[in-house]
Structure formats: structure tokens, C-alpha cells
Protein backbone atom coordinates (compact mmCIF):
# COMPACT_ATOMS: atom_id res chain seq x y z
CA UNK A 1 20.12 -4.46 13.03
CA UNK A 2 21.58 -1.71 13.82
CA UNK A 3 20.55 0.10 17.37
CA UNK A 4 21.06 4.00 17.81
CA UNK A 5 20.42 5.32 21.74
CA UNK A 6 17.98 8.97 21.78
CA UNK A 7 19.17 11.26 24.20
CA UNK A 8 17.10 13.18 25.63
CA UNK A 9 18.01 16.94 27.02
CA UNK A 10 16.57 18.25 30.55
CA UNK A 11 14.57 21.34 29.58
CA UNK A 12 16.97 24.39 29.00
CA UNK A 13 15.84 27.82 28.53
CA UNK A 14 16.02 30.54 31.08
CA UNK A 15 12.37 31.14 32.52
CA UNK A 16 10.76 33.34 35.56
CA UNK A 17 9.65 30.95 37.81
CA UNK A 18 6.26 30.32 38.36
CA UNK A 19 6.71 29.86 33.65
CA UNK A 20 5.33 27.30 32.35
CA UNK A 21 4.97 25.31 28.93
CA UNK A 22 1.61 22.88 28.66
CA UNK A 23 2.45 19.49 26.84
CA UNK A 24 -1.28 18.22 26.30
CA UNK A 25 -1.25 14.35 24.70
CA UNK A 26 -3.73 12.71 23.15
CA UNK A 27 -7.64 13.14 24.36
CA UNK A 28 -6.24 14.77 27.10
CA UNK A 29 -5.28 17.75 24.63
CA UNK A 30 -8.80 19.09 23.40
CA UNK A 31 -8.95 21.88 26.29
CA UNK A 32 -6.84 23.22 29.07
CA UNK A 33 -10.15 22.91 30.77
CA UNK A 34 -11.04 20.04 33.63
CA UNK A 35 -7.81 18.19 31.28
CA UNK A 36 -5.13 16.66 32.55
CA UNK A 37 -1.95 18.79 31.34
CA UNK A 38 1.78 18.00 31.61
CA UNK A 39 3.43 20.92 32.37
CA UNK A 40 6.88 21.08 31.96
CA UNK A 41 9.14 23.82 33.09
CA UNK A 42 13.14 25.29 32.90
CA UNK A 43 15.39 24.25 35.03
CA UNK A 44 19.05 24.87 33.82
CA UNK A 45 20.25 27.03 30.46
CA UNK A 46 22.39 24.23 29.55
CA UNK A 47 22.13 20.98 27.69
CA UNK A 48 24.91 18.97 29.05
CA UNK A 49 22.37 16.37 31.64
CA UNK A 50 21.53 13.71 29.23
CA UNK A 51 18.76 11.16 29.34
CA UNK A 52 19.34 7.48 27.37
CA UNK A 53 15.85 7.10 26.24
CA UNK A 54 15.83 3.41 24.09
CA UNK A 55 16.92 2.05 21.41
CA UNK A 56 15.62 2.35 17.57
CA UNK A 57 14.16 -0.78 16.28
CA UNK A 58 12.22 1.35 13.54
CA UNK A 59 12.85 3.44 10.34
CA UNK A 60 11.59 6.82 10.87
CA UNK A 61 10.72 9.21 7.45
CA UNK A 62 9.77 12.56 10.05
CA UNK A 63 8.64 16.16 8.20
CA UNK A 64 8.61 19.36 9.70
CA UNK A 65 5.77 21.67 8.78
CA UNK A 66 7.05 24.86 9.76
CA UNK A 67 5.45 28.28 9.47
CA UNK A 68 6.48 30.86 6.89
CA UNK A 69 3.60 33.14 7.78
CA UNK A 70 3.66 37.12 8.31
CA UNK A 71 2.73 36.97 11.75
CA UNK A 72 5.69 34.77 13.30
CA UNK A 73 7.33 37.80 13.43
CA UNK A 74 4.96 40.44 15.29
CA UNK A 75 6.25 42.12 18.21
CA UNK A 76 9.49 40.83 17.66
CA UNK A 77 8.37 37.26 18.56
CA UNK A 78 11.62 36.79 15.51
CA UNK A 79 9.68 33.19 15.25
CA UNK A 80 11.19 32.10 11.83
CA UNK A 81 14.57 32.16 13.54
CA UNK A 82 13.44 29.74 16.59
CA UNK A 83 11.69 27.82 14.70
CA UNK A 84 14.81 27.08 12.34
CA UNK A 85 16.65 26.69 15.95
CA UNK A 86 13.91 24.67 17.23
CA UNK A 87 13.54 22.41 14.20
CA UNK A 88 17.76 21.81 14.60
CA UNK A 89 17.86 21.06 17.82
CA UNK A 90 15.22 18.51 17.24
CA UNK A 91 17.26 16.46 14.26
CA UNK A 92 20.46 17.02 16.61
CA UNK A 93 18.80 14.40 18.59
CA UNK A 94 18.27 12.08 16.68
CA UNK A 95 20.04 8.95 14.34
CA UNK A 96 19.90 10.56 10.96
CA UNK A 97 21.39 8.91 8.20
CA UNK A 98 20.53 7.11 5.56
CA UNK A 99 21.34 2.81 7.57
CA UNK A 100 18.13 0.00 7.57
CA UNK A 101 16.65 1.78 11.08
CA UNK A 102 17.98 5.74 10.68
CA UNK A 103 15.86 9.01 10.84
CA UNK A 104 15.52 10.88 7.46
CA UNK A 105 14.30 14.25 8.12
CA UNK A 106 12.59 16.63 5.83
CA UNK A 107 11.33 20.64 5.80
CA UNK A 108 8.78 21.94 4.13
CA UNK A 109 7.90 25.68 5.37
CA UNK A 110 4.12 26.92 4.17
CA UNK A 111 2.34 30.37 4.37
CA UNK A 112 -1.01 31.37 1.84
CA UNK A 113 -3.36 28.99 -0.47
CA UNK A 114 -0.48 28.60 -2.88
CA UNK A 115 3.05 28.89 -0.97
CA UNK A 116 4.61 25.84 -0.10
CA UNK A 117 8.47 25.30 -0.44
CA UNK A 118 10.39 22.33 0.30
CA UNK A 119 13.43 23.26 1.81
CA UNK A 120 15.08 19.27 2.09
CA UNK A 121 13.70 16.46 0.91
CA UNK A 122 13.40 13.31 2.94
CA UNK A 123 15.87 11.80 -0.05
CA UNK A 124 18.20 14.29 0.98
CA UNK A 125 17.89 14.42 4.77
CA UNK A 126 19.87 11.97 6.08
CA UNK A 127 22.95 13.70 7.40
CA UNK A 128 23.07 16.53 9.96
CA UNK A 129 25.11 18.84 8.44
CA UNK A 130 23.06 19.09 5.11
CA UNK A 131 20.00 19.35 7.39
CA UNK A 132 21.00 21.93 9.22
CA UNK A 133 22.20 24.07 6.04
CA UNK A 134 19.17 23.56 4.51
CA UNK A 135 17.57 24.94 7.45
CA UNK A 136 20.08 27.70 7.80
CA UNK A 137 19.26 29.46 4.21
CA UNK A 138 15.17 28.85 4.15
CA UNK A 139 13.70 32.41 3.27
CA UNK A 140 10.82 33.41 5.33
CA UNK A 141 7.45 33.95 3.52
CA UNK A 142 5.71 36.55 5.51
CA UNK A 143 2.40 35.81 3.91
CA UNK A 144 -1.76 33.73 4.98
CA UNK A 145 -1.81 30.93 7.37
CA UNK A 146 -2.89 28.10 5.06
CA UNK A 147 -1.90 24.81 7.34
CA UNK A 148 -4.57 22.36 5.67
CA UNK A 149 -2.51 23.40 2.44
CA UNK A 150 0.47 22.90 3.71
CA UNK A 151 -0.57 19.47 5.35
CA UNK A 152 -1.70 18.46 2.02
CA UNK A 153 1.62 19.41 0.20
CA UNK A 154 3.82 17.26 2.43
CA UNK A 155 1.15 14.18 1.85
CA UNK A 156 0.94 14.39 -1.76
CA UNK A 157 4.94 15.66 -2.55
CA UNK A 158 6.86 15.07 1.12
CA UNK A 159 5.84 11.28 1.77
CA UNK A 160 6.04 10.25 -2.04
CA UNK A 161 10.20 9.83 -0.82
CA UNK A 162 9.19 7.65 2.01
CA UNK A 163 10.53 3.79 2.20
CA UNK A 164 7.98 1.43 2.45
CA UNK A 165 9.26 -0.14 5.39
CA UNK A 166 9.45 2.91 7.54
CA UNK A 167 7.28 5.29 10.14
CA UNK A 168 5.75 8.76 8.69
CA UNK A 169 5.70 11.37 11.15
CA UNK A 170 4.65 15.55 10.39
CA UNK A 171 5.40 17.55 13.20
CA UNK A 172 3.39 20.75 12.28
CA UNK A 173 4.21 24.11 13.93
CA UNK A 174 2.04 27.31 13.66
CA UNK A 175 1.31 30.02 16.11
CA UNK A 176 -2.86 30.61 14.37
CA UNK A 177 -5.97 28.94 12.83
CA UNK A 178 -6.59 28.22 10.13
CA UNK A 179 -10.07 26.97 8.85
CA UNK A 180 -9.05 24.02 6.42
CA UNK A 181 -6.95 21.58 8.34
CA UNK A 182 -9.62 18.82 9.36
CA UNK A 183 -9.89 17.40 6.36
CA UNK A 184 -5.86 17.80 5.29
CA UNK A 185 -5.15 16.25 8.39
CA UNK A 186 -7.44 13.26 7.95
CA UNK A 187 -6.17 12.76 4.69
CA UNK A 188 -2.41 12.62 5.72
CA UNK A 189 -3.58 10.11 9.32
CA UNK A 190 -5.42 7.77 6.23
CA UNK A 191 -1.69 7.24 4.64
CA UNK A 192 -0.56 5.99 7.55
CA UNK A 193 1.46 9.70 8.68
CA UNK A 194 1.22 10.12 12.42
CA UNK A 195 0.58 13.98 13.04
CA UNK A 196 2.00 16.02 15.91
CA UNK A 197 0.42 19.44 16.32
CA UNK A 198 2.91 21.90 17.91
CA UNK A 199 0.84 25.41 18.84
CA UNK A 200 2.68 28.62 19.69
CA UNK A 201 1.35 31.65 21.06
CA UNK A 202 -2.45 32.67 22.68
CA UNK A 203 -3.60 32.73 18.96
CA UNK A 204 -3.98 29.10 18.73
CA UNK A 205 -7.55 27.72 18.16
CA UNK A 206 -7.21 24.05 20.27
CA UNK A 207 -9.69 22.34 19.03
CA UNK A 208 -8.21 22.75 15.53
CA UNK A 209 -4.98 21.55 16.52
CA UNK A 210 -6.83 18.86 17.99
CA UNK A 211 -8.19 18.30 15.38
CA UNK A 212 -4.62 17.67 13.34
CA UNK A 213 -3.01 15.61 15.89
CA UNK A 214 -6.10 13.40 16.15
CA UNK A 215 -7.45 11.21 19.01
CA UNK A 216 -4.05 9.01 18.90
CA UNK A 217 -1.61 11.85 18.51
CA UNK A 218 0.24 15.17 20.12
CA UNK A 219 -0.82 18.17 20.19
CA UNK A 220 2.35 21.26 22.02
CA UNK A 221 1.87 24.61 23.38
CA UNK A 222 3.77 27.47 24.54
CA UNK A 223 2.51 30.20 25.18
CA UNK A 224 5.58 31.77 22.49
CA UNK A 225 8.30 30.98 20.55
CA UNK A 226 10.47 32.36 22.59
CA UNK A 227 9.39 29.00 24.92
CA UNK A 228 9.66 26.38 21.74
CA UNK A 229 12.52 25.58 23.64
CA UNK A 230 10.80 23.92 26.43
CA UNK A 231 9.07 21.41 24.59
CA UNK A 232 12.09 20.14 23.12
CA UNK A 233 12.38 17.75 25.29
CA UNK A 234 8.90 15.60 24.68
CA UNK A 235 9.06 16.42 21.32
CA UNK A 236 12.73 14.33 21.15
CA UNK A 237 10.32 12.16 23.32
CA UNK A 238 7.28 11.56 21.01
CA UNK A 239 9.92 10.50 18.04
CA UNK A 240 11.77 8.23 20.51
CA UNK A 241 8.19 6.84 20.97
CA UNK A 242 7.59 6.33 17.88
CA UNK A 243 10.77 3.99 16.59
CA UNK A 244 11.42 2.86 19.67
CA UNK A 245 8.08 0.41 18.64
CA UNK A 246 8.34 -2.11 16.21
CA UNK A 247 6.33 -1.97 13.37
CA UNK A 248 3.59 -4.08 13.14
CA UNK A 249 3.75 -6.29 10.68
CA UNK A 250 0.41 -7.02 8.01
CA UNK A 251 -0.65 -9.46 8.05
CA UNK A 252 -1.02 -11.73 5.04
CA UNK A 253 -4.04 -12.06 2.98
CA UNK A 254 -5.05 -14.95 3.85
CA UNK A 255 -5.86 -17.15 0.82
CA UNK A 256 -9.82 -16.96 0.32
CA UNK A 257 -11.98 -20.39 1.22
CA UNK A 258 -13.61 -21.67 -1.24
CA UNK A 259 -16.93 -23.10 0.57
CA UNK A 260 -17.94 -27.13 0.88
CA UNK A 261 -20.51 -27.35 -2.45
CA UNK A 262 -22.98 -28.82 -1.27
CA UNK A 263 -23.05 -32.70 -3.21
CA UNK A 264 -25.42 -33.21 -6.51
CA UNK A 265 -27.65 -35.30 -5.79
CA UNK A 266 -27.43 -37.76 -9.18
CA UNK A 267 -32.02 -38.42 -9.29
CA UNK A 268 -32.53 -41.56 -10.43
CA UNK A 269 -31.83 -41.74 -13.71
CA UNK A 270 -35.62 -42.88 -15.79
CA UNK A 271 -34.81 -45.54 -17.83
CA UNK A 272 -34.64 -45.15 -21.27
CA UNK A 273 -36.95 -47.91 -23.16
CA UNK A 274 -35.52 -49.65 -26.07
CA UNK A 275 -37.96 -49.14 -29.08
CA UNK A 276 -39.14 -51.98 -30.75
CA UNK A 277 -36.36 -52.44 -32.95
CA UNK A 278 -38.27 -52.85 -36.74
CA UNK A 279 -37.99 -55.43 -38.93
CA UNK A 280 -34.87 -55.18 -41.00
CA UNK A 281 -37.27 -56.40 -44.07
CA UNK A 282 -35.37 -58.88 -45.39
CA UNK A 283 -34.39 -58.20 -49.26
CA UNK A 284 -36.26 -60.31 -51.83
CA UNK A 285 -33.38 -61.98 -53.35
CA UNK A 286 -32.90 -61.31 -57.28
CA UNK A 287 -33.15 -64.49 -59.15
CA UNK A 288 -30.87 -66.67 -59.82
CA UNK A 289 -30.76 -67.11 -63.19
CA UNK A 290 -30.93 -70.87 -64.53
CA UNK A 291 -27.39 -71.27 -66.75
CA UNK A 292 -28.22 -71.75 -70.31
CA UNK A 293 -26.98 -75.21 -71.05
CA UNK A 294 -25.00 -75.81 -73.71
CA UNK A 295 -25.84 -78.44 -76.69
CA UNK A 296 -24.66 -82.01 -75.33
CA UNK A 297 -20.97 -82.79 -77.46
CA UNK A 298 -22.51 -85.46 -79.49
CA UNK A 299 -20.92 -87.96 -79.48
CA UNK A 300 -18.89 -89.46 -82.95
CA UNK A 301 -21.03 -93.78 -84.27
CA UNK A 302 -18.45 -95.55 -83.40
CA UNK A 303 -17.21 -96.91 -86.91
CA UNK A 304 -17.70 -100.56 -86.88
CA UNK A 305 -14.95 -103.18 -85.69
CA UNK A 306 -15.15 -105.66 -88.46
CA UNK A 307 -13.02 -109.00 -87.61
CA UNK A 308 -10.03 -109.12 -90.89
CA UNK A 309 -11.89 -112.11 -92.57
CA UNK A 310 -15.11 -109.61 -93.12
CA UNK A 311 -16.68 -109.16 -96.60
CA UNK A 312 -17.43 -105.54 -96.73
CA UNK A 313 -21.10 -105.26 -98.11
CA UNK A 314 -23.24 -102.11 -98.42
CA UNK A 315 -26.54 -102.60 -98.59
CA UNK A 316 -28.33 -99.99 -100.01
CA UNK A 317 -32.38 -99.78 -99.10
CA UNK A 318 -34.07 -98.50 -102.58
CA UNK A 319 -37.01 -97.08 -102.23
CA UNK A 320 -39.82 -99.01 -104.56
CA UNK A 321 -41.82 -96.98 -106.34
CA UNK A 322 -44.88 -98.33 -106.98
């Protein structure tokens, strides 16, 4: 098995003392009030200090769904460029490639109901230079915010190129709220996709973002696009957890056990009465005709044998007439 090591960068953005970026995990992410919140704080302006995370055992198909609506550029937020940098930074810490346990990356932008664009497909996102080039060339939509339409698009069109044995993860980066998200997120989860919601700014609907992440998913939030860098390590760690956990081998479908048939009770057969055979009438024998006797063969009157010295006499008897 080909092994890679992930490296988690120490948070590297200069912040004013006391500024934090909030990172909320799983069920703790539905509200900041009365919940356990993991807070991160910048400690350095470099990314030189890194910590080895884990060895990769599961291939991952990762898709970034990036908000490209007009609001991300309001108040000089530079949301588009900072989103692009965030995607490149996270990707840089991943074992991108086309090996058996490598990570492949796709990037999709969303805005209005009908505007979703694929910047690089999973089949092409197998090298960091290719991904970086595609991200740099991303055009800005400058339209509305329809998060659910973007999720639907990635589920149907982007993840159709995923590998059968790979884990699937969708990282959604958005700054607003959109009421069309829940069904799309549920459909994505039903397709085996793990969702990570990254909310930016004070206009996000935290309940909606948690709905995207789901009860077992991850939600991260920052106060503005300038602070996306503060959750870089956390985002990478989430991806790291995904690929360091072996994908469960589905149990084979057991062959159905046929129930033991109940023995059929053989009823005592009623004896079939032997019918009294009707006597076969003897046929009246045809009488044998008596053969017509052949007439007896008449024996010839033997000629008397006379002595040699006998004198022949012929006596003739005449009837006397009176």
C-alpha cells in the first residue's frame, strides 16, 4: 500500500490580540450559545512549523464548492481571491495524485439557480500544478446565492466521476444563506458524500450551515474572508481524518436461508378396492365341420387263381320264362 503523510500547518495569519476564529464540530455546531466551541488563534505569520498528521489508508475524492455570488466582494472583502487562496492552501497539504490511496480534487463554483461551473474535474485534479492553474483562472460569477443548487450540481455531475473505492467529501464555502439547501445536502449524504460547511461572515445562517454539515459532519466558521487562513489547519485535519480511517468493507449480502420445509404428512392411503372382475364369457366355439368322408376305394374283385389243369367253364344262368 502506498503511504503518504499529511502535514498540518500551524495557523499562520496575524490577528489582533484576542481575535479568534470559531470552529464548530458535529452536534456542537448548531449554535454558539451554551455549546462547546473550539477556538483557534493565529500564532505565526509563516507556515514553516508543521506537524505530521497520519498515514493515508483511504483514497479520497474531494470537491470544493466555492461561493461566487456578488456578496463575497462587498466592503472590499476580496472574497473571491481569498477563497481561491484557501483552496490552493488546503490542496497543497494533500497527497494529490492518481495512485491507489491518493487524493483527487475538483473545484466547482456556484451562484444563481442556473449558474454552476466546474473549474476542474476529479479526473483532471490529480496534480497540484493543474489544480492551482484551474483555481487561478476561475471567473467571478457576481450573481445570487443558491447553495442548494450548487450541492445538487456537484452530487449529480461532479461526483459521478468518483472512484468506487474512494471516500467522498464536499467542502462548501459560503457567506450567505439560501433556503434551498437541506434537501440537496440530504441527497448528497444519501449518495455517500461527507459534507463540511465553511461559513464566512456575519450573514450566515448557522442552523442552515449545520444542516448542510449534518449531525455527523463538520462546520467551521470565520468572521470574514480575511480569516479563512485561520481554519486552514482545521480544514486539513478534517480531510486527514477522512483519509486516515479505513473505509469499511461492506459485508457481503448473505445468501437467503430457505426455511426448512415442514414435512408433508403422508395420509394413509385409502385402499382402492379391487373391482370384482366381470367373467369373460367364453366364446361359443365354432363347430368343427365333420369332413366329408371320401368314398371308399373300391377294391377290385380278385381274379381267382385257377389251377393250371383246370378247365374253364362259363355257366350262364338263364331265367326261364314260364
